[in-house]
Amino acid sequence: MNTIENIKTRRSIRKYQQKEIPREIMMDILDCGRLTPSAKNAQLWRFVVITDRAIKEKLTQICKHGKFINEAYAIIAIFYDKDVNYKVEDASAATQNMMLAAWEYGIGSCWIGSYQRDHSKQVEELLKCPDNYELITMFTLGYPAETREARNKKQLDEIISFNYFI
């Protein structure tokens, strides 16, 4: 699949097969996160891969909008040095890179908003996050057990303009 097709066909998946993601594929997905551009090439992120069933169950209970977490094969939590500018942008770009890399392998994903949310501190404690880092984002990974069509997306002419906002 080419990049454009990958971007246009990826969907948020919330139902997963109980199927393991091979280690070499998981490592390639993570490598695509590592290769993401970051402000001043700081790369001050840390990717925590959660596959332990007990931890996934606790995350499912903690996250108000993540009731599907325990169905996924893995959750990737991205932490960033809390004293750095552009941490949200850097972590979000890494998340998108990994989600697109996963889709290339036929692996679904779903973003779980986690920056300064009600569940953020509890997740940081559960995953033993050091004090100088904070949770920015999380997403699930797994082979899809559902097919999702694109939701109604706005037409391109509804969201773009050239040179000026109007």
C-alpha atoms as a PDB file:
ATOM      1  CA  MET A   1       0.000   0.000   0.000  1.00  0.00           C
ATOM      2  CA  ASN A   2       1.375   3.448  -0.776  1.00  0.00           C
ATOM      3  CA  THR A   3       1.450   6.287   1.756  1.00  0.00           C
ATOM      4  CA  ILE A   4      -1.585   8.126   0.374  1.00  0.00           C
ATOM      5  CA  GLU A   5      -3.695   4.955   0.332  1.00  0.00           C
ATOM      6  CA  ASN A   6      -2.550   4.159   3.882  1.00  0.00           C
ATOM      7  CA  ILE A   7      -3.629   7.584   5.139  1.00  0.00           C
ATOM      8  CA  LYS A   8      -6.957   7.465   3.317  1.00  0.00           C
ATOM      9  CA  THR A   9      -7.922   3.945   4.446  1.00  0.00           C
ATOM     10  CA  ARG A  10      -6.822   3.883   8.107  1.00  0.00           C
ATOM     11  CA  ARG A  11      -9.725   3.859  10.571  1.00  0.00           C
ATOM     12  CA  SER A  12      -9.969   3.819  14.352  1.00  0.00           C
ATOM     13  CA  ILE A  13     -10.455   0.216  15.426  1.00  0.00           C
ATOM     14  CA  ARG A  14     -11.973  -0.682  18.794  1.00  0.00           C
ATOM     15  CA  LYS A  15     -12.589  -4.420  18.355  1.00  0.00           C
ATOM     16  CA  TYR A  16      -9.624  -6.730  18.019  1.00  0.00           C
ATOM     17  CA  GLN A  17      -8.866 -10.359  17.304  1.00  0.00           C
ATOM     18  CA  GLN A  18      -7.089 -12.231  20.073  1.00  0.00           C
ATOM     19  CA  LYS A  19      -3.970 -12.546  17.950  1.00  0.00           C
ATOM     20  CA  GLU A  20      -0.386 -11.746  18.834  1.00  0.00           C
ATOM     21  CA  ILE A  21       1.536  -9.143  16.867  1.00  0.00           C
ATOM     22  CA  PRO A  22       4.894 -10.693  15.911  1.00  0.00           C
ATOM     23  CA  ARG A  23       7.827  -9.084  17.706  1.00  0.00           C
ATOM     24  CA  GLU A  24       9.607  -8.047  14.485  1.00  0.00           C
ATOM     25  CA  ILE A  25       6.478  -6.212  13.324  1.00  0.00           C
ATOM     26  CA  MET A  26       6.029  -4.537  16.718  1.00  0.00           C
ATOM     27  CA  MET A  27       9.653  -3.427  16.673  1.00  0.00           C
ATOM     28  CA  ASP A  28       9.264  -2.020  13.140  1.00  0.00           C
ATOM     29  CA  ILE A  29       6.183  -0.043  14.230  1.00  0.00           C
ATOM     30  CA  LEU A  30       8.126   1.338  17.206  1.00  0.00           C
ATOM     31  CA  ASP A  31      11.068   2.158  14.958  1.00  0.00           C
ATOM     32  CA  CYS A  32       8.744   4.272  12.805  1.00  0.00           C
ATOM     33  CA  GLY A  33       7.930   6.208  15.988  1.00  0.00           C
ATOM     34  CA  ARG A  34      11.612   6.592  16.801  1.00  0.00           C
ATOM     35  CA  LEU A  35      12.267   8.053  13.354  1.00  0.00           C
ATOM     36  CA  THR A  36       9.621  10.767  13.738  1.00  0.00           C
ATOM     37  CA  PRO A  37      10.893  14.335  13.452  1.00  0.00           C
ATOM     38  CA  SER A  38      10.981  16.199  16.754  1.00  0.00           C
ATOM     39  CA  ALA A  39      11.571  19.847  17.623  1.00  0.00           C
ATOM     40  CA  LYS A  40      15.305  20.531  17.593  1.00  0.00           C
ATOM     41  CA  ASN A  41      15.699  16.754  17.097  1.00  0.00           C
ATOM     42  CA  ALA A  42      15.298  16.422  20.871  1.00  0.00           C
ATOM     43  CA  GLN A  43      13.720  12.941  20.788  1.00  0.00           C
ATOM     44  CA  LEU A  44      12.840  13.199  24.488  1.00  0.00           C
ATOM     45  CA  TRP A  45      10.043  10.639  24.256  1.00  0.00           C
ATOM     46  CA  ARG A  46       9.715   7.259  25.852  1.00  0.00           C
ATOM     47  CA  PHE A  47       7.465   4.569  24.369  1.00  0.00           C
ATOM     48  CA  VAL A  48       6.017   2.085  26.856  1.00  0.00           C
ATOM     49  CA  VAL A  49       4.475  -1.002  25.267  1.00  0.00           C
ATOM     50  CA  ILE A  50       1.852  -2.696  27.429  1.00  0.00           C
ATOM     51  CA  THR A  51       0.875  -6.279  26.637  1.00  0.00           C
ATOM     52  CA  ASP A  52       0.319  -7.581  30.174  1.00  0.00           C
ATOM     53  CA  ARG A  53      -3.359  -8.505  30.590  1.00  0.00           C
ATOM     54  CA  ALA A  54      -3.582  -7.265  34.214  1.00  0.00           C
ATOM     55  CA  ILE A  55      -2.126  -3.855  33.331  1.00  0.00           C
ATOM     56  CA  LYS A  56      -4.431  -3.563  30.290  1.00  0.00           C
ATOM     57  CA  GLU A  57      -7.415  -4.332  32.537  1.00  0.00           C
ATOM     58  CA  LYS A  58      -6.367  -1.585  34.968  1.00  0.00           C
ATOM     59  CA  LEU A  59      -5.962   0.863  32.071  1.00  0.00           C
ATOM     60  CA  THR A  60      -9.439  -0.078  30.857  1.00  0.00           C
ATOM     61  CA  GLN A  61     -10.838   0.803  34.289  1.00  0.00           C
ATOM     62  CA  ILE A  62      -8.854   4.048  34.575  1.00  0.00           C
ATOM     63  CA  CYS A  63      -9.580   5.489  31.111  1.00  0.00           C
ATOM     64  CA  LYS A  64     -13.115   6.832  30.759  1.00  0.00           C
ATOM     65  CA  HIS A  65     -13.036   6.630  26.940  1.00  0.00           C
ATOM     66  CA  GLY A  66     -10.895   3.506  26.618  1.00  0.00           C
ATOM     67  CA  LYS A  67     -13.254   0.679  27.487  1.00  0.00           C
ATOM     68  CA  PHE A  68     -11.873  -1.317  24.540  1.00  0.00           C
ATOM     69  CA  ILE A  69      -8.259  -1.247  25.781  1.00  0.00           C
ATOM     70  CA  ASN A  70      -8.317  -4.743  27.220  1.00  0.00           C
ATOM     71  CA  GLU A  71      -9.345  -6.175  23.811  1.00  0.00           C
ATOM     72  CA  ALA A  72      -6.206  -4.870  22.079  1.00  0.00           C
ATOM     73  CA  TYR A  73      -3.027  -6.895  21.835  1.00  0.00           C
ATOM     74  CA  ALA A  74      -0.959  -3.908  22.955  1.00  0.00           C
ATOM     75  CA  ILE A  75      -1.208  -0.338  24.143  1.00  0.00           C
ATOM     76  CA  ILE A  76       1.579   2.110  23.483  1.00  0.00           C
ATOM     77  CA  ALA A  77       1.887   4.967  25.944  1.00  0.00           C
ATOM     78  CA  ILE A  78       4.089   7.874  24.916  1.00  0.00           C
ATOM     79  CA  PHE A  79       5.733   9.909  27.631  1.00  0.00           C
ATOM     80  CA  TYR A  80       7.787  13.049  27.125  1.00  0.00           C
ATOM     81  CA  ASP A  81      10.066  15.190  29.259  1.00  0.00           C
ATOM     82  CA  LYS A  82       7.599  17.543  30.945  1.00  0.00           C
ATOM     83  CA  ASP A  83       9.906  20.590  30.884  1.00  0.00           C
ATOM     84  CA  VAL A  84      10.235  20.663  27.096  1.00  0.00           C
ATOM     85  CA  ASN A  85       8.299  22.781  24.612  1.00  0.00           C
ATOM     86  CA  TYR A  86       6.620  20.989  21.694  1.00  0.00           C
ATOM     87  CA  LYS A  87       6.156  17.754  23.647  1.00  0.00           C
ATOM     88  CA  VAL A  88       2.532  17.417  22.530  1.00  0.00           C
ATOM     89  CA  GLU A  89       3.447  17.993  18.899  1.00  0.00           C
ATOM     90  CA  ASP A  90       6.396  15.579  18.999  1.00  0.00           C
ATOM     91  CA  ALA A  91       4.467  12.797  20.753  1.00  0.00           C
ATOM     92  CA  SER A  92       1.454  13.272  18.479  1.00  0.00           C
ATOM     93  CA  ALA A  93       3.622  13.028  15.373  1.00  0.00           C
ATOM     94  CA  ALA A  94       5.208   9.825  16.718  1.00  0.00           C
ATOM     95  CA  THR A  95       1.743   8.435  17.459  1.00  0.00           C
ATOM     96  CA  GLN A  96       0.577   9.114  13.915  1.00  0.00           C
ATOM     97  CA  ASN A  97       3.719   7.568  12.433  1.00  0.00           C
ATOM     98  CA  MET A  98       3.234   4.382  14.447  1.00  0.00           C
ATOM     99  CA  MET A  99      -0.492   4.157  13.695  1.00  0.00           C
ATOM    100  CA  LEU A 100       0.191   4.449   9.959  1.00  0.00           C
ATOM    101  CA  ALA A 101       3.032   1.928  10.178  1.00  0.00           C
ATOM    102  CA  ALA A 102       0.696  -0.478  11.974  1.00  0.00           C
ATOM    103  CA  TRP A 103      -1.966  -0.103   9.278  1.00  0.00           C
ATOM    104  CA  GLU A 104       0.635  -1.016   6.662  1.00  0.00           C
ATOM    105  CA  TYR A 105       0.801  -4.407   8.408  1.00  0.00           C
ATOM    106  CA  GLY A 106      -3.003  -4.691   8.646  1.00  0.00           C
ATOM    107  CA  ILE A 107      -2.922  -3.817  12.337  1.00  0.00           C
ATOM    108  CA  GLY A 108      -5.626  -1.514  13.639  1.00  0.00           C
ATOM    109  CA  SER A 109      -5.233   1.221  16.208  1.00  0.00           C
ATOM    110  CA  CYS A 110      -7.213   3.773  18.155  1.00  0.00           C
ATOM    111  CA  TRP A 111      -5.910   6.966  19.723  1.00  0.00           C
ATOM    112  CA  ILE A 112      -6.759   7.572  23.376  1.00  0.00           C
ATOM    113  CA  GLY A 113      -6.475  11.253  24.277  1.00  0.00           C
ATOM    114  CA  SER A 114      -4.238  11.308  27.335  1.00  0.00           C
ATOM    115  CA  TYR A 115      -2.560  14.683  27.711  1.00  0.00           C
ATOM    116  CA  GLN A 116      -3.602  16.208  31.045  1.00  0.00           C
ATOM    117  CA  ARG A 117      -6.806  14.144  31.174  1.00  0.00           C
ATOM    118  CA  ASP A 118      -8.566  12.800  34.246  1.00  0.00           C
ATOM    119  CA  HIS A 119      -6.782   9.468  33.846  1.00  0.00           C
ATOM    120  CA  SER A 120      -3.281  10.790  33.100  1.00  0.00           C
ATOM    121  CA  LYS A 121      -1.833  10.820  36.626  1.00  0.00           C
ATOM    122  CA  GLN A 122      -3.234   7.370  37.408  1.00  0.00           C
ATOM    123  CA  VAL A 123      -1.677   5.969  34.227  1.00  0.00           C
ATOM    124  CA  GLU A 124       1.647   7.607  35.091  1.00  0.00           C
ATOM    125  CA  GLU A 125       1.557   5.984  38.538  1.00  0.00           C
ATOM    126  CA  LEU A 126       0.515   2.592  37.178  1.00  0.00           C
ATOM    127  CA  LEU A 127       3.314   2.577  34.585  1.00  0.00           C
ATOM    128  CA  LYS A 128       5.907   3.945  37.047  1.00  0.00           C
ATOM    129  CA  CYS A 129       6.584   7.118  35.102  1.00  0.00           C
ATOM    130  CA  PRO A 130       9.516   9.141  36.506  1.00  0.00           C
ATOM    131  CA  ASP A 131       8.713  12.623  37.848  1.00  0.00           C
ATOM    132  CA  ASN A 132      10.430  14.441  34.972  1.00  0.00           C
ATOM    133  CA  TYR A 133       8.171  12.784  32.351  1.00  0.00           C
ATOM    134  CA  GLU A 134       4.446  12.992  31.701  1.00  0.00           C
ATOM    135  CA  LEU A 135       1.938  11.015  29.671  1.00  0.00           C
ATOM    136  CA  ILE A 136       1.115  12.688  26.378  1.00  0.00           C
ATOM    137  CA  THR A 137      -0.757  10.058  24.375  1.00  0.00           C
ATOM    138  CA  MET A 138      -1.748   6.397  24.228  1.00  0.00           C
ATOM    139  CA  PHE A 139      -3.096   4.182  21.489  1.00  0.00           C
ATOM    140  CA  THR A 140      -4.191   0.592  21.084  1.00  0.00           C
ATOM    141  CA  LEU A 141      -2.842  -1.907  18.571  1.00  0.00           C
ATOM    142  CA  GLY A 142      -4.288  -5.190  17.336  1.00  0.00           C
ATOM    143  CA  TYR A 143      -5.529  -7.107  14.350  1.00  0.00           C
ATOM    144  CA  PRO A 144      -9.025  -5.779  13.572  1.00  0.00           C
ATOM    145  CA  ALA A 145     -12.113  -7.820  14.409  1.00  0.00           C
ATOM    146  CA  GLU A 146     -14.262  -5.199  12.693  1.00  0.00           C
ATOM    147  CA  THR A 147     -14.393  -3.312   9.421  1.00  0.00           C
ATOM    148  CA  ARG A 148     -15.092   0.376   9.652  1.00  0.00           C
ATOM    149  CA  GLU A 149     -16.192   2.675   6.903  1.00  0.00           C
ATOM    150  CA  ALA A 150     -15.101   6.285   6.894  1.00  0.00           C
ATOM    151  CA  ARG A 151     -17.363   8.544   8.887  1.00  0.00           C
ATOM    152  CA  ASN A 152     -18.748  11.525   7.100  1.00  0.00           C
ATOM    153  CA  LYS A 153     -15.751  13.704   6.533  1.00  0.00           C
ATOM    154  CA  LYS A 154     -16.118  17.325   5.571  1.00  0.00           C
ATOM    155  CA  GLN A 155     -15.477  18.140   1.952  1.00  0.00           C
ATOM    156  CA  LEU A 156     -12.089  19.630   1.211  1.00  0.00           C
ATOM    157  CA  ASP A 157     -13.565  22.961   0.101  1.00  0.00           C
ATOM    158  CA  GLU A 158     -15.246  23.288   3.534  1.00  0.00           C
ATOM    159  CA  ILE A 159     -11.956  23.339   5.414  1.00  0.00           C
ATOM    160  CA  ILE A 160      -9.376  25.045   3.208  1.00  0.00           C
ATOM    161  CA  SER A 161      -8.615  28.507   1.996  1.00  0.00           C
ATOM    162  CA  PHE A 162      -5.516  29.989   0.441  1.00  0.00           C
ATOM    163  CA  ASN A 163      -3.521  32.932   1.726  1.00  0.00           C
ATOM    164  CA  TYR A 164      -6.169  34.062   4.230  1.00  0.00           C
ATOM    165  CA  PHE A 165      -8.518  32.336   6.645  1.00  0.00           C
ATOM    166  CA  ILE A 166     -11.621  33.477   4.772  1.00  0.00           C
END
